[in-house]
Amino acid sequence: MNSKKTLLIVAGGLGTRYKGLKQVDGILGNGSPILEYSIYDALMVGFNKIVIIINRFIPESYIERLENISKTNNFELQWVYQDMDKYIPSGYDYSSREKPWGTGHAVLCAKEYISEPFVMINADDFYGKEVYQLASSEIDNQNVSDSQFELIAYPLSTTLSNNGTVARGICTVDDDHFLLKVEEQTSIRKENNTIVYTDENGKDIEVAPDTLVSMNYFIFHPIIFDSLEIYFKDFITSNPQPKEEFYIPTALQKMNEENTIKIAVRTSPSHWLGMTYPDDKIILKSYLEKEIQNQRYPEDLWS
């Protein structure tokens, strides 16, 4: 059994559609944002190291808050800034870039802080309690290695927003539940009684509601950092568009095609909720209030 269990939280986004830093926006009166619920769920099943990828806009007051929580609750906490210049080839001019480089770059920024199998999640997604128990068991059972990762996926219909389009990694799996392909689509939405996205040719493509999608809940072996470093350099030298991003699903697809690793796909046993738009917070708030009433969370996570 691994003595060190690490949760990597990607919290470096700018929250453009949310119109604010949603990764530190408290949901209830206790002031805890979603990422604290993720930390709480992970700690309950044996995780003891938290690495958080952040941008320079995260308030110092929040950093101090979580550092105090880590000391009181006896878990290791590492902050890592997703700065523009990290892993950039010498001489490359990125002065016109405003957006972060994407989730692939965010994970790469943690390379020097993680040397054990780890779970990666988004800061602004609520993944549910049971999925952390599943991930903990998969790590303990050594089902994640330098030749196999895991993607814990959710049915597409349970991950949409009523307030606008969403981005999802659409998964295709084989009969043994290994990933064949993951395609990042950024315009997924409900239209009448169907779910569609618009492809690069401007055509609307219908997707089945039970299609499994990546919500960026992965279990990785640290060998992934070597591939991410190579792929990110390739991405930069391809002269990406100002808003183009280096996504984790894109990197995994390339590793899959090169037969570097296999990726087992498991369906999450938990309910997912997220905060893409401001009005999504109302739904999450109501859900957490019910979870507290059902005694699945304390009123104050850290009391």
C-alpha atoms as a PDB file:
ATOM      1  CA  MET A   1       0.000   0.000   0.000  1.00  0.00           C
ATOM      2  CA  ASN A   2       1.316   3.470  -0.874  1.00  0.00           C
ATOM      3  CA  SER A   3       2.193   5.589   2.152  1.00  0.00           C
ATOM      4  CA  LYS A   4       1.846   8.796   0.147  1.00  0.00           C
ATOM      5  CA  LYS A   5      -1.433   9.578  -1.620  1.00  0.00           C
ATOM      6  CA  THR A   6      -1.436  12.784  -3.625  1.00  0.00           C
ATOM      7  CA  LEU A   7      -4.277  14.909  -4.951  1.00  0.00           C
ATOM      8  CA  LEU A   8      -3.279  17.436  -7.632  1.00  0.00           C
ATOM      9  CA  ILE A   9      -5.811  20.252  -8.014  1.00  0.00           C
ATOM     10  CA  VAL A  10      -5.678  22.404 -11.137  1.00  0.00           C
ATOM     11  CA  ALA A  11      -6.782  25.889 -10.073  1.00  0.00           C
ATOM     12  CA  GLY A  12      -4.927  28.171 -12.460  1.00  0.00           C
ATOM     13  CA  GLY A  13      -7.824  29.248 -14.670  1.00  0.00           C
ATOM     14  CA  LEU A  14      -9.067  32.821 -14.949  1.00  0.00           C
ATOM     15  CA  GLY A  15     -12.809  32.029 -14.637  1.00  0.00           C
ATOM     16  CA  THR A  16     -13.747  34.045 -17.733  1.00  0.00           C
ATOM     17  CA  ARG A  17     -17.263  32.640 -18.170  1.00  0.00           C
ATOM     18  CA  TYR A  18     -17.826  32.636 -14.396  1.00  0.00           C
ATOM     19  CA  LYS A  19     -16.673  36.266 -14.246  1.00  0.00           C
ATOM     20  CA  GLY A  20     -14.431  35.694 -11.229  1.00  0.00           C
ATOM     21  CA  LEU A  21     -11.998  33.350  -9.472  1.00  0.00           C
ATOM     22  CA  LYS A  22     -14.480  30.530  -8.920  1.00  0.00           C
ATOM     23  CA  GLN A  23     -11.757  28.252  -7.520  1.00  0.00           C
ATOM     24  CA  VAL A  24     -11.767  30.279  -4.268  1.00  0.00           C
ATOM     25  CA  ASP A  25     -15.432  31.348  -4.237  1.00  0.00           C
ATOM     26  CA  GLY A  26     -17.148  30.002  -1.108  1.00  0.00           C
ATOM     27  CA  ILE A  27     -20.380  28.109  -1.768  1.00  0.00           C
ATOM     28  CA  LEU A  28     -22.082  28.142   1.652  1.00  0.00           C
ATOM     29  CA  GLY A  29     -21.772  30.207   4.801  1.00  0.00           C
ATOM     30  CA  ASN A  30     -18.716  28.206   5.882  1.00  0.00           C
ATOM     31  CA  GLY A  31     -16.688  29.954   3.154  1.00  0.00           C
ATOM     32  CA  SER A  32     -15.392  26.708   1.613  1.00  0.00           C
ATOM     33  CA  PRO A  33     -15.040  26.666  -2.189  1.00  0.00           C
ATOM     34  CA  ILE A  34     -15.456  23.429  -4.149  1.00  0.00           C
ATOM     35  CA  LEU A  35     -11.781  22.519  -3.906  1.00  0.00           C
ATOM     36  CA  GLU A  36     -12.071  22.240  -0.111  1.00  0.00           C
ATOM     37  CA  TYR A  37     -14.861  19.690  -0.475  1.00  0.00           C
ATOM     38  CA  SER A  38     -12.567  17.750  -2.808  1.00  0.00           C
ATOM     39  CA  ILE A  39      -9.741  17.925  -0.270  1.00  0.00           C
ATOM     40  CA  TYR A  40     -12.094  16.838   2.520  1.00  0.00           C
ATOM     41  CA  ASP A  41     -13.352  13.829   0.530  1.00  0.00           C
ATOM     42  CA  ALA A  42      -9.782  12.837  -0.373  1.00  0.00           C
ATOM     43  CA  LEU A  43      -8.538  13.099   3.212  1.00  0.00           C
ATOM     44  CA  MET A  44     -11.394  10.889   4.422  1.00  0.00           C
ATOM     45  CA  VAL A  45     -10.092   7.970   2.313  1.00  0.00           C
ATOM     46  CA  GLY A  46      -6.395   8.285   3.067  1.00  0.00           C
ATOM     47  CA  PHE A  47      -4.964  11.005   0.835  1.00  0.00           C
ATOM     48  CA  ASN A  48      -2.372  13.034   2.724  1.00  0.00           C
ATOM     49  CA  LYS A  49      -0.657  15.310   0.200  1.00  0.00           C
ATOM     50  CA  ILE A  50      -2.346  18.136  -1.689  1.00  0.00           C
ATOM     51  CA  VAL A  51      -0.668  19.988  -4.566  1.00  0.00           C
ATOM     52  CA  ILE A  52      -2.543  22.989  -5.965  1.00  0.00           C
ATOM     53  CA  ILE A  53      -1.712  24.679  -9.271  1.00  0.00           C
ATOM     54  CA  ILE A  54      -2.657  28.366  -9.065  1.00  0.00           C
ATOM     55  CA  ASN A  55      -2.235  31.686 -10.867  1.00  0.00           C
ATOM     56  CA  ARG A  56      -0.869  34.919  -9.427  1.00  0.00           C
ATOM     57  CA  PHE A  57      -4.374  36.336  -8.938  1.00  0.00           C
ATOM     58  CA  ILE A  58      -5.288  33.953  -6.101  1.00  0.00           C
ATOM     59  CA  PRO A  59      -5.594  36.148  -2.981  1.00  0.00           C
ATOM     60  CA  GLU A  60      -2.915  35.776  -0.332  1.00  0.00           C
ATOM     61  CA  SER A  61      -5.727  35.649   2.240  1.00  0.00           C
ATOM     62  CA  TYR A  62      -7.013  32.405   0.702  1.00  0.00           C
ATOM     63  CA  ILE A  63      -3.542  30.882   0.602  1.00  0.00           C
ATOM     64  CA  GLU A  64      -3.176  31.663   4.305  1.00  0.00           C
ATOM     65  CA  ARG A  65      -6.616  30.170   5.018  1.00  0.00           C
ATOM     66  CA  LEU A  66      -5.787  26.841   3.416  1.00  0.00           C
ATOM     67  CA  GLU A  67      -2.322  26.709   4.944  1.00  0.00           C
ATOM     68  CA  ASN A  68      -3.912  27.044   8.383  1.00  0.00           C
ATOM     69  CA  ILE A  69      -6.375  24.279   7.490  1.00  0.00           C
ATOM     70  CA  SER A  70      -3.511  22.004   6.393  1.00  0.00           C
ATOM     71  CA  LYS A  71      -1.635  22.540   9.652  1.00  0.00           C
ATOM     72  CA  THR A  72      -4.732  21.899  11.766  1.00  0.00           C
ATOM     73  CA  ASN A  73      -5.681  18.780   9.797  1.00  0.00           C
ATOM     74  CA  ASN A  74      -2.159  17.425   9.375  1.00  0.00           C
ATOM     75  CA  PHE A  75      -1.833  17.107   5.607  1.00  0.00           C
ATOM     76  CA  GLU A  76       0.977  18.224   3.323  1.00  0.00           C
ATOM     77  CA  LEU A  77       0.144  21.232   1.143  1.00  0.00           C
ATOM     78  CA  GLN A  78       2.147  22.519  -1.829  1.00  0.00           C
ATOM     79  CA  TRP A  79       1.326  25.613  -3.878  1.00  0.00           C
ATOM     80  CA  VAL A  80       2.619  25.716  -7.458  1.00  0.00           C
ATOM     81  CA  TYR A  81       2.255  28.752  -9.731  1.00  0.00           C
ATOM     82  CA  GLN A  82       1.332  28.128 -13.362  1.00  0.00           C
ATOM     83  CA  ASP A  83       3.518  30.910 -14.668  1.00  0.00           C
ATOM     84  CA  MET A  84       3.726  31.584 -18.402  1.00  0.00           C
ATOM     85  CA  ASP A  85       7.472  31.015 -18.602  1.00  0.00           C
ATOM     86  CA  LYS A  86       7.558  27.522 -17.078  1.00  0.00           C
ATOM     87  CA  TYR A  87       8.869  24.936 -19.566  1.00  0.00           C
ATOM     88  CA  ILE A  88       8.904  27.502 -22.381  1.00  0.00           C
ATOM     89  CA  PRO A  89      11.704  26.960 -24.941  1.00  0.00           C
ATOM     90  CA  SER A  90      14.433  29.594 -24.753  1.00  0.00           C
ATOM     91  CA  GLY A  91      13.800  32.592 -26.976  1.00  0.00           C
ATOM     92  CA  TYR A  92      10.074  31.985 -27.486  1.00  0.00           C
ATOM     93  CA  ASP A  93       8.057  35.222 -27.357  1.00  0.00           C
ATOM     94  CA  TYR A  94       4.820  34.778 -25.410  1.00  0.00           C
ATOM     95  CA  SER A  95       4.320  38.462 -24.510  1.00  0.00           C
ATOM     96  CA  SER A  96       0.956  38.643 -26.317  1.00  0.00           C
ATOM     97  CA  ARG A  97      -0.440  35.644 -24.448  1.00  0.00           C
ATOM     98  CA  GLU A  98      -3.109  36.375 -21.802  1.00  0.00           C
ATOM     99  CA  LYS A  99      -4.691  32.979 -21.076  1.00  0.00           C
ATOM    100  CA  PRO A 100      -2.848  30.195 -19.203  1.00  0.00           C
ATOM    101  CA  TRP A 101      -1.411  27.476 -21.442  1.00  0.00           C
ATOM    102  CA  GLY A 102      -4.057  24.906 -20.423  1.00  0.00           C
ATOM    103  CA  THR A 103      -4.461  21.843 -18.236  1.00  0.00           C
ATOM    104  CA  GLY A 104      -1.581  19.914 -19.794  1.00  0.00           C
ATOM    105  CA  HIS A 105       0.831  22.707 -18.890  1.00  0.00           C
ATOM    106  CA  ALA A 106      -0.760  23.022 -15.434  1.00  0.00           C
ATOM    107  CA  VAL A 107      -0.042  19.375 -14.629  1.00  0.00           C
ATOM    108  CA  LEU A 108       3.483  19.692 -16.038  1.00  0.00           C
ATOM    109  CA  CYS A 109       4.163  22.540 -13.591  1.00  0.00           C
ATOM    110  CA  ALA A 110       3.848  20.013 -10.730  1.00  0.00           C
ATOM    111  CA  LYS A 111       6.665  17.811 -12.059  1.00  0.00           C
ATOM    112  CA  GLU A 112       9.198  18.641  -9.356  1.00  0.00           C
ATOM    113  CA  TYR A 113       6.653  18.201  -6.555  1.00  0.00           C
ATOM    114  CA  ILE A 114       5.229  14.735  -7.317  1.00  0.00           C
ATOM    115  CA  SER A 115       7.067  11.413  -7.542  1.00  0.00           C
ATOM    116  CA  GLU A 116       4.232   9.021  -6.699  1.00  0.00           C
ATOM    117  CA  PRO A 117       0.943   7.982  -8.379  1.00  0.00           C
ATOM    118  CA  PHE A 118      -1.548  10.815  -8.034  1.00  0.00           C
ATOM    119  CA  VAL A 119      -5.107  11.907  -8.747  1.00  0.00           C
ATOM    120  CA  MET A 120      -5.625  15.009 -10.882  1.00  0.00           C
ATOM    121  CA  ILE A 121      -8.834  17.069 -10.694  1.00  0.00           C
ATOM    122  CA  ASN A 122     -10.203  20.507 -11.580  1.00  0.00           C
ATOM    123  CA  ALA A 123     -10.641  22.968  -8.722  1.00  0.00           C
ATOM    124  CA  ASP A 124     -14.084  24.072  -9.882  1.00  0.00           C
ATOM    125  CA  ASP A 125     -15.662  20.609 -10.248  1.00  0.00           C
ATOM    126  CA  PHE A 126     -17.486  18.687  -7.520  1.00  0.00           C
ATOM    127  CA  TYR A 127     -16.791  15.021  -8.193  1.00  0.00           C
ATOM    128  CA  GLY A 128     -18.604  13.322  -5.274  1.00  0.00           C
ATOM    129  CA  LYS A 129     -17.409  11.335  -2.284  1.00  0.00           C
ATOM    130  CA  GLU A 130     -17.385   7.794  -3.675  1.00  0.00           C
ATOM    131  CA  VAL A 131     -15.042   8.543  -6.570  1.00  0.00           C
ATOM    132  CA  TYR A 132     -12.197   9.252  -4.121  1.00  0.00           C
ATOM    133  CA  GLN A 133     -12.716   5.879  -2.466  1.00  0.00           C
ATOM    134  CA  LEU A 134     -12.501   4.263  -5.898  1.00  0.00           C
ATOM    135  CA  ALA A 135      -9.307   6.167  -6.724  1.00  0.00           C
ATOM    136  CA  SER A 136      -7.727   5.297  -3.383  1.00  0.00           C
ATOM    137  CA  SER A 137      -8.430   1.596  -3.945  1.00  0.00           C
ATOM    138  CA  GLU A 138      -7.029   1.710  -7.492  1.00  0.00           C
ATOM    139  CA  ILE A 139      -3.774   3.194  -6.199  1.00  0.00           C
ATOM    140  CA  ASP A 140      -3.556   0.696  -3.317  1.00  0.00           C
ATOM    141  CA  ASN A 141      -4.164  -2.190  -5.707  1.00  0.00           C
ATOM    142  CA  GLN A 142      -1.372  -0.893  -7.971  1.00  0.00           C
ATOM    143  CA  ASN A 143      -3.689  -0.636 -10.960  1.00  0.00           C
ATOM    144  CA  VAL A 144      -1.890   2.542 -11.972  1.00  0.00           C
ATOM    145  CA  SER A 145       1.675   2.125 -13.237  1.00  0.00           C
ATOM    146  CA  ASP A 146       4.203   3.462 -15.731  1.00  0.00           C
ATOM    147  CA  SER A 147       2.273   1.583 -18.431  1.00  0.00           C
ATOM    148  CA  GLN A 148      -1.341   2.181 -17.318  1.00  0.00           C
ATOM    149  CA  PHE A 149      -3.276   5.247 -16.184  1.00  0.00           C
ATOM    150  CA  GLU A 150      -6.961   5.565 -15.295  1.00  0.00           C
ATOM    151  CA  LEU A 151      -9.666   7.963 -16.381  1.00  0.00           C
ATOM    152  CA  ILE A 152     -12.779   8.073 -14.217  1.00  0.00           C
ATOM    153  CA  ALA A 153     -15.513   9.291 -16.540  1.00  0.00           C
ATOM    154  CA  TYR A 154     -19.094  10.556 -16.190  1.00  0.00           C
ATOM    155  CA  PRO A 155     -22.150  10.169 -18.465  1.00  0.00           C
ATOM    156  CA  LEU A 156     -22.409  13.274 -20.645  1.00  0.00           C
ATOM    157  CA  SER A 157     -26.041  14.012 -19.750  1.00  0.00           C
ATOM    158  CA  THR A 158     -25.089  14.488 -16.079  1.00  0.00           C
ATOM    159  CA  THR A 159     -22.375  17.065 -16.816  1.00  0.00           C
ATOM    160  CA  LEU A 160     -24.179  19.770 -18.803  1.00  0.00           C
ATOM    161  CA  SER A 161     -25.071  23.304 -17.765  1.00  0.00           C
ATOM    162  CA  ASN A 162     -28.424  24.968 -18.345  1.00  0.00           C
ATOM    163  CA  ASN A 163     -26.594  28.289 -18.626  1.00  0.00           C
ATOM    164  CA  GLY A 164     -24.430  27.805 -21.719  1.00  0.00           C
ATOM    165  CA  THR A 165     -21.992  25.578 -23.577  1.00  0.00           C
ATOM    166  CA  VAL A 166     -19.398  23.377 -21.874  1.00  0.00           C
ATOM    167  CA  ALA A 167     -16.130  21.712 -22.877  1.00  0.00           C
ATOM    168  CA  ARG A 168     -15.833  17.944 -22.454  1.00  0.00           C
ATOM    169  CA  GLY A 169     -13.474  15.199 -23.552  1.00  0.00           C
ATOM    170  CA  ILE A 170     -15.684  12.691 -25.399  1.00  0.00           C
ATOM    171  CA  CYS A 171     -14.415   9.135 -24.811  1.00  0.00           C
ATOM    172  CA  THR A 172     -14.467   6.097 -27.073  1.00  0.00           C
ATOM    173  CA  VAL A 173     -13.588   2.825 -25.315  1.00  0.00           C
ATOM    174  CA  ASP A 174     -12.997  -0.775 -26.400  1.00  0.00           C
ATOM    175  CA  ASP A 175     -14.724  -3.908 -25.079  1.00  0.00           C
ATOM    176  CA  ASP A 176     -12.190  -4.174 -22.246  1.00  0.00           C
ATOM    177  CA  HIS A 177     -12.906  -0.600 -21.116  1.00  0.00           C
ATOM    178  CA  PHE A 178      -9.623   0.850 -22.313  1.00  0.00           C
ATOM    179  CA  LEU A 179      -9.573   4.229 -23.977  1.00  0.00           C
ATOM    180  CA  LEU A 180      -9.438   4.226 -27.770  1.00  0.00           C
ATOM    181  CA  LYS A 181      -9.893   7.933 -28.281  1.00  0.00           C
ATOM    182  CA  VAL A 182     -10.702  11.119 -26.374  1.00  0.00           C
ATOM    183  CA  GLU A 183     -11.711  14.228 -28.295  1.00  0.00           C
ATOM    184  CA  GLU A 184     -11.998  17.616 -26.624  1.00  0.00           C
ATOM    185  CA  GLN A 185     -15.158  19.449 -27.721  1.00  0.00           C
ATOM    186  CA  THR A 186     -15.745  22.976 -26.474  1.00  0.00           C
ATOM    187  CA  SER A 187     -19.317  23.793 -27.556  1.00  0.00           C
ATOM    188  CA  ILE A 188     -21.425  20.994 -26.048  1.00  0.00           C
ATOM    189  CA  ARG A 189     -24.971  22.045 -25.207  1.00  0.00           C
ATOM    190  CA  LYS A 190     -28.594  20.975 -24.961  1.00  0.00           C
ATOM    191  CA  GLU A 191     -30.816  21.751 -27.924  1.00  0.00           C
ATOM    192  CA  ASN A 192     -34.458  20.780 -27.433  1.00  0.00           C
ATOM    193  CA  ASN A 193     -34.305  17.076 -26.496  1.00  0.00           C
ATOM    194  CA  THR A 194     -30.817  16.421 -27.861  1.00  0.00           C
ATOM    195  CA  ILE A 195     -27.186  17.048 -26.940  1.00  0.00           C
ATOM    196  CA  VAL A 196     -24.973  18.498 -29.671  1.00  0.00           C
ATOM    197  CA  TYR A 197     -21.632  20.141 -30.294  1.00  0.00           C
ATOM    198  CA  THR A 198     -20.398  22.143 -33.274  1.00  0.00           C
ATOM    199  CA  ASP A 199     -17.401  20.625 -35.038  1.00  0.00           C
ATOM    200  CA  GLU A 200     -14.515  22.478 -36.700  1.00  0.00           C
ATOM    201  CA  ASN A 201     -16.490  22.637 -39.954  1.00  0.00           C
ATOM    202  CA  GLY A 202     -19.442  24.364 -38.292  1.00  0.00           C
ATOM    203  CA  LYS A 203     -21.622  21.245 -38.385  1.00  0.00           C
ATOM    204  CA  ASP A 204     -23.744  20.268 -35.361  1.00  0.00           C
ATOM    205  CA  ILE A 205     -23.031  16.710 -34.187  1.00  0.00           C
ATOM    206  CA  GLU A 206     -25.509  14.879 -31.952  1.00  0.00           C
ATOM    207  CA  VAL A 207     -24.121  12.908 -28.993  1.00  0.00           C
ATOM    208  CA  ALA A 208     -25.860  10.153 -27.007  1.00  0.00           C
ATOM    209  CA  PRO A 209     -26.704  11.132 -23.398  1.00  0.00           C
ATOM    210  CA  ASP A 210     -24.871   8.131 -21.899  1.00  0.00           C
ATOM    211  CA  THR A 211     -21.625   8.865 -23.759  1.00  0.00           C
ATOM    212  CA  LEU A 212     -18.755   8.829 -21.265  1.00  0.00           C
ATOM    213  CA  VAL A 213     -16.838  12.086 -20.995  1.00  0.00           C
ATOM    214  CA  SER A 214     -13.683  13.141 -19.252  1.00  0.00           C
ATOM    215  CA  MET A 215     -14.179  15.661 -16.472  1.00  0.00           C
ATOM    216  CA  ASN A 216     -10.435  15.734 -15.817  1.00  0.00           C
ATOM    217  CA  TYR A 217     -10.534  13.132 -13.053  1.00  0.00           C
ATOM    218  CA  PHE A 218      -7.448  11.033 -13.733  1.00  0.00           C
ATOM    219  CA  ILE A 219      -5.121   8.736 -11.832  1.00  0.00           C
ATOM    220  CA  PHE A 220      -1.610   9.162 -13.179  1.00  0.00           C
ATOM    221  CA  HIS A 221       1.805   7.656 -12.666  1.00  0.00           C
ATOM    222  CA  PRO A 222       4.524  10.355 -12.471  1.00  0.00           C
ATOM    223  CA  ILE A 223       6.001   9.105 -15.741  1.00  0.00           C
ATOM    224  CA  ILE A 224       3.379  11.318 -17.409  1.00  0.00           C
ATOM    225  CA  PHE A 225       5.540  14.386 -16.712  1.00  0.00           C
ATOM    226  CA  ASP A 226       8.202  13.260 -19.192  1.00  0.00           C
ATOM    227  CA  SER A 227       5.683  13.009 -22.031  1.00  0.00           C
ATOM    228  CA  LEU A 228       3.964  16.278 -21.095  1.00  0.00           C
ATOM    229  CA  GLU A 229       7.276  18.112 -21.264  1.00  0.00           C
ATOM    230  CA  ILE A 230       7.950  16.792 -24.781  1.00  0.00           C
ATOM    231  CA  TYR A 231       4.412  17.436 -26.023  1.00  0.00           C
ATOM    232  CA  PHE A 232       4.274  20.938 -24.561  1.00  0.00           C
ATOM    233  CA  LYS A 233       7.483  21.871 -26.340  1.00  0.00           C
ATOM    234  CA  ASP A 234       5.927  20.548 -29.579  1.00  0.00           C
ATOM    235  CA  PHE A 235       2.795  22.610 -28.876  1.00  0.00           C
ATOM    236  CA  ILE A 236       4.788  25.809 -28.343  1.00  0.00           C
ATOM    237  CA  THR A 237       6.963  25.350 -31.410  1.00  0.00           C
ATOM    238  CA  SER A 238       3.823  24.862 -33.544  1.00  0.00           C
ATOM    239  CA  ASN A 239       3.038  28.570 -32.932  1.00  0.00           C
ATOM    240  CA  PRO A 240      -0.409  28.131 -31.309  1.00  0.00           C
ATOM    241  CA  GLN A 241      -3.143  30.718 -31.680  1.00  0.00           C
ATOM    242  CA  PRO A 242      -3.378  33.297 -28.822  1.00  0.00           C
ATOM    243  CA  LYS A 243      -6.217  31.421 -27.095  1.00  0.00           C
ATOM    244  CA  GLU A 244      -5.268  27.872 -28.087  1.00  0.00           C
ATOM    245  CA  GLU A 245      -4.587  25.565 -25.122  1.00  0.00           C
ATOM    246  CA  PHE A 246      -2.561  22.450 -24.413  1.00  0.00           C
ATOM    247  CA  TYR A 247      -5.133  20.031 -22.967  1.00  0.00           C
ATOM    248  CA  ILE A 248      -4.523  16.914 -20.873  1.00  0.00           C
ATOM    249  CA  PRO A 249      -6.915  14.823 -23.046  1.00  0.00           C
ATOM    250  CA  THR A 250      -4.916  15.822 -26.136  1.00  0.00           C
ATOM    251  CA  ALA A 251      -1.678  14.666 -24.504  1.00  0.00           C
ATOM    252  CA  LEU A 252      -3.265  11.398 -23.399  1.00  0.00           C
ATOM    253  CA  GLN A 253      -4.588  10.786 -26.893  1.00  0.00           C
ATOM    254  CA  LYS A 254      -1.075  11.159 -28.254  1.00  0.00           C
ATOM    255  CA  MET A 255       0.374   8.795 -25.617  1.00  0.00           C
ATOM    256  CA  ASN A 256      -2.364   6.318 -26.483  1.00  0.00           C
ATOM    257  CA  GLU A 257      -1.648   6.510 -30.209  1.00  0.00           C
ATOM    258  CA  GLU A 258       2.064   6.030 -29.586  1.00  0.00           C
ATOM    259  CA  ASN A 259       1.319   2.972 -27.395  1.00  0.00           C
ATOM    260  CA  THR A 260       3.237   4.606 -24.550  1.00  0.00           C
ATOM    261  CA  ILE A 261       0.525   3.731 -22.028  1.00  0.00           C
ATOM    262  CA  LYS A 262      -2.938   2.203 -21.788  1.00  0.00           C
ATOM    263  CA  ILE A 263      -5.730   4.149 -20.150  1.00  0.00           C
ATOM    264  CA  ALA A 264      -8.424   2.212 -18.292  1.00  0.00           C
ATOM    265  CA  VAL A 265     -11.791   3.996 -18.278  1.00  0.00           C
ATOM    266  CA  ARG A 266     -14.052   3.551 -15.274  1.00  0.00           C
ATOM    267  CA  THR A 267     -17.494   5.039 -14.753  1.00  0.00           C
ATOM    268  CA  SER A 268     -17.714   7.248 -11.694  1.00  0.00           C
ATOM    269  CA  PRO A 269     -19.961   6.020  -8.874  1.00  0.00           C
ATOM    270  CA  SER A 270     -20.533   9.644  -7.820  1.00  0.00           C
ATOM    271  CA  HIS A 271     -22.634  12.606  -8.864  1.00  0.00           C
ATOM    272  CA  TRP A 272     -20.833  15.475 -10.650  1.00  0.00           C
ATOM    273  CA  LEU A 273     -21.550  19.200 -10.422  1.00  0.00           C
ATOM    274  CA  GLY A 274     -19.560  22.155 -11.720  1.00  0.00           C
ATOM    275  CA  MET A 275     -19.437  25.927 -11.865  1.00  0.00           C
ATOM    276  CA  THR A 276     -18.904  27.069 -15.419  1.00  0.00           C
ATOM    277  CA  TYR A 277     -21.329  30.000 -15.172  1.00  0.00           C
ATOM    278  CA  PRO A 278     -22.431  32.192 -12.206  1.00  0.00           C
ATOM    279  CA  ASP A 279     -25.928  30.645 -12.060  1.00  0.00           C
ATOM    280  CA  ASP A 280     -24.427  27.146 -11.712  1.00  0.00           C
ATOM    281  CA  LYS A 281     -23.504  28.101  -8.135  1.00  0.00           C
ATOM    282  CA  ILE A 282     -27.175  28.088  -7.105  1.00  0.00           C
ATOM    283  CA  ILE A 283     -27.531  24.417  -8.108  1.00  0.00           C
ATOM    284  CA  LEU A 284     -24.356  23.411  -6.293  1.00  0.00           C
ATOM    285  CA  LYS A 285     -25.362  25.337  -3.178  1.00  0.00           C
ATOM    286  CA  SER A 286     -28.708  23.525  -3.034  1.00  0.00           C
ATOM    287  CA  TYR A 287     -27.020  20.149  -3.542  1.00  0.00           C
ATOM    288  CA  LEU A 288     -24.480  20.713  -0.751  1.00  0.00           C
ATOM    289  CA  GLU A 289     -27.189  21.882   1.639  1.00  0.00           C
ATOM    290  CA  LYS A 290     -28.986  18.561   1.084  1.00  0.00           C
ATOM    291  CA  GLU A 291     -25.710  16.645   1.562  1.00  0.00           C
ATOM    292  CA  ILE A 292     -25.239  18.394   4.906  1.00  0.00           C
ATOM    293  CA  GLN A 293     -28.825  17.593   5.914  1.00  0.00           C
ATOM    294  CA  ASN A 294     -28.112  13.939   5.054  1.00  0.00           C
ATOM    295  CA  GLN A 295     -24.991  14.129   7.275  1.00  0.00           C
ATOM    296  CA  ARG A 296     -22.607  13.414   4.405  1.00  0.00           C
ATOM    297  CA  TYR A 297     -20.717  16.607   5.221  1.00  0.00           C
ATOM    298  CA  PRO A 298     -20.442  18.648   8.420  1.00  0.00           C
ATOM    299  CA  GLU A 299     -21.802  22.197   8.389  1.00  0.00           C
ATOM    300  CA  ASP A 300     -18.246  23.460   8.686  1.00  0.00           C
ATOM    301  CA  LEU A 301     -15.747  21.150   6.992  1.00  0.00           C
ATOM    302  CA  TRP A 302     -12.861  22.088   9.276  1.00  0.00           C
ATOM    303  CA  SER A 303     -14.477  22.678  12.659  1.00  0.00           C
END
